[in-house]
Amino acid sequence: KLMNIALNKVSGSFDVRLLGEVLEDIHHMRPIGEAEVKLIGLEDSELRSYLQIADPPRLSDDDTMPTFGQSVTLSLAFTDTKVRDAVKVKLAALAEVQKQSTGDVVMGLLERRKR
């Protein structure tokens, strides 16, 4: 399966959700190692992104929060504007790939980190 992904990455395209499901299936059997991630031509952040698409975090019914306008906001403190700007760009790109809000992407990354 990993070799097929690698070959498809070279000269093909992916159905993002199906790729996420295949990677989640492999990852569920055993964690995908750093060498395997490189073998299939993905960055670690891309792997996490695809895994997130296949297994997004779910909020329970009692996890409601008051909203401001149409969304809930969070502020982060950075000591360097270059780092802040880089995080914004990467987060926006992940959100676009995953078709999720940036907040949901952050939640998925934090949930993956706990595993």
Protein backbone atom coordinates (compact mmCIF):
# COMPACT_ATOMS: atom_id res chain seq x y z
CA LYS A 1 0.00 0.00 0.00
CA LEU A 2 2.80 2.41 0.87
CA MET A 3 4.56 1.72 -2.43
CA ASN A 4 1.35 2.39 -4.35
CA ILE A 5 1.01 5.72 -2.56
CA ALA A 6 4.62 6.59 -3.39
CA LEU A 7 4.15 5.73 -7.08
CA ASN A 8 0.90 7.65 -7.25
CA LYS A 9 2.59 10.65 -5.65
CA VAL A 10 5.13 10.65 -8.49
CA SER A 11 2.68 10.57 -11.39
CA GLY A 12 -0.90 10.72 -10.26
CA SER A 13 -3.40 12.42 -8.06
CA PHE A 14 -5.19 11.46 -4.89
CA ASP A 15 -8.71 11.43 -3.58
CA VAL A 16 -7.70 13.11 -0.32
CA ARG A 17 -10.32 11.36 1.81
CA LEU A 18 -9.49 7.90 0.41
CA LEU A 19 -5.77 8.51 0.87
CA GLY A 20 -6.45 9.50 4.46
CA GLU A 21 -8.47 6.33 5.01
CA VAL A 22 -5.72 4.12 3.53
CA LEU A 23 -3.06 5.82 5.67
CA GLU A 24 -5.28 5.57 8.76
CA ASP A 25 -5.77 1.86 8.07
CA ILE A 26 -2.01 1.32 7.81
CA HIS A 27 -1.33 3.54 10.83
CA HIS A 28 -3.95 1.66 12.88
CA MET A 29 -2.14 -1.66 12.27
CA ARG A 30 1.18 -0.10 13.26
CA PRO A 31 2.43 3.48 13.41
CA ILE A 32 3.92 4.69 10.14
CA GLY A 33 7.62 5.34 10.77
CA GLU A 34 9.64 8.38 9.74
CA ALA A 35 11.48 6.41 7.05
CA GLU A 36 8.19 5.19 5.58
CA VAL A 37 6.82 8.73 5.51
CA LYS A 38 9.86 9.81 3.49
CA LEU A 39 9.59 6.71 1.26
CA ILE A 40 6.06 7.60 0.20
CA GLY A 41 7.12 11.19 -0.47
CA LEU A 42 5.17 12.95 2.25
CA GLU A 43 6.18 15.36 4.94
CA ASP A 44 5.24 14.43 8.50
CA SER A 45 2.77 17.33 8.57
CA GLU A 46 1.11 16.01 5.40
CA LEU A 47 0.76 12.56 6.94
CA ARG A 48 -0.87 14.05 10.04
CA SER A 49 -3.14 16.09 7.80
CA TYR A 50 -4.29 13.04 5.81
CA LEU A 51 -4.78 11.00 8.98
CA GLN A 52 -6.86 13.84 10.41
CA ILE A 53 -9.13 13.82 7.37
CA ALA A 54 -9.83 10.12 7.87
CA ASP A 55 -10.38 10.34 11.63
CA PRO A 56 -11.45 13.86 12.66
CA PRO A 57 -11.97 14.63 16.35
CA ARG A 58 -15.56 14.77 17.51
CA LEU A 59 -17.01 17.05 20.13
CA SER A 60 -19.56 15.55 22.46
CA ASP A 61 -22.95 17.20 22.86
CA ASP A 62 -21.88 18.85 26.12
CA ASP A 63 -18.76 20.50 24.59
CA THR A 64 -20.60 23.65 23.53
CA MET A 65 -19.04 27.06 23.91
CA PRO A 66 -20.44 30.55 23.66
CA THR A 67 -19.63 32.15 20.32
CA PHE A 68 -18.62 35.59 19.16
CA GLY A 69 -20.51 36.30 15.97
CA GLN A 70 -20.42 33.11 13.92
CA SER A 71 -17.20 31.64 15.30
CA VAL A 72 -15.15 31.10 18.42
CA THR A 73 -11.71 32.72 18.38
CA LEU A 74 -8.40 31.94 20.03
CA SER A 75 -5.35 34.15 20.35
CA LEU A 76 -1.81 32.83 20.30
CA ALA A 77 1.28 34.73 21.44
CA PHE A 78 4.43 34.64 19.30
CA THR A 79 7.78 36.24 20.04
CA ASP A 80 8.68 36.48 16.36
CA THR A 81 6.48 37.83 13.55
CA LYS A 82 8.15 35.58 10.98
CA VAL A 83 7.18 32.50 12.99
CA ARG A 84 3.65 33.85 13.45
CA ASP A 85 3.28 34.47 9.72
CA ALA A 86 4.69 31.04 8.83
CA VAL A 87 2.24 29.36 11.23
CA LYS A 88 -0.67 31.29 9.69
CA VAL A 89 0.31 30.21 6.17
CA LYS A 90 0.79 26.54 7.09
CA LEU A 91 -2.40 26.44 9.14
CA ALA A 92 -4.43 28.01 6.33
CA ALA A 93 -2.99 25.49 3.85
CA LEU A 94 -3.86 22.53 6.10
CA ALA A 95 -7.35 23.91 6.63
CA GLU A 96 -7.84 24.19 2.88
CA VAL A 97 -6.62 20.63 2.23
CA GLN A 98 -8.79 19.25 5.01
CA LYS A 99 -11.76 21.50 4.19
CA GLN A 100 -12.00 22.41 7.88
CA SER A 101 -11.70 25.54 9.95
CA THR A 102 -8.25 26.43 11.22
CA GLY A 103 -9.46 25.76 14.76
CA ASP A 104 -10.53 22.23 13.85
CA VAL A 105 -7.13 21.65 12.23
CA VAL A 106 -5.35 22.78 15.42
CA MET A 107 -7.57 20.47 17.49
CA GLY A 108 -6.71 17.54 15.23
CA LEU A 109 -2.99 18.24 15.48
CA LEU A 110 -3.18 18.45 19.26
CA GLU A 111 -5.19 15.23 19.47
CA ARG A 112 -2.65 13.42 17.27
CA ARG A 113 0.17 14.68 19.52
CA LYS A 114 -1.41 13.00 22.56
CA ARG A 115 -1.33 9.53 20.95
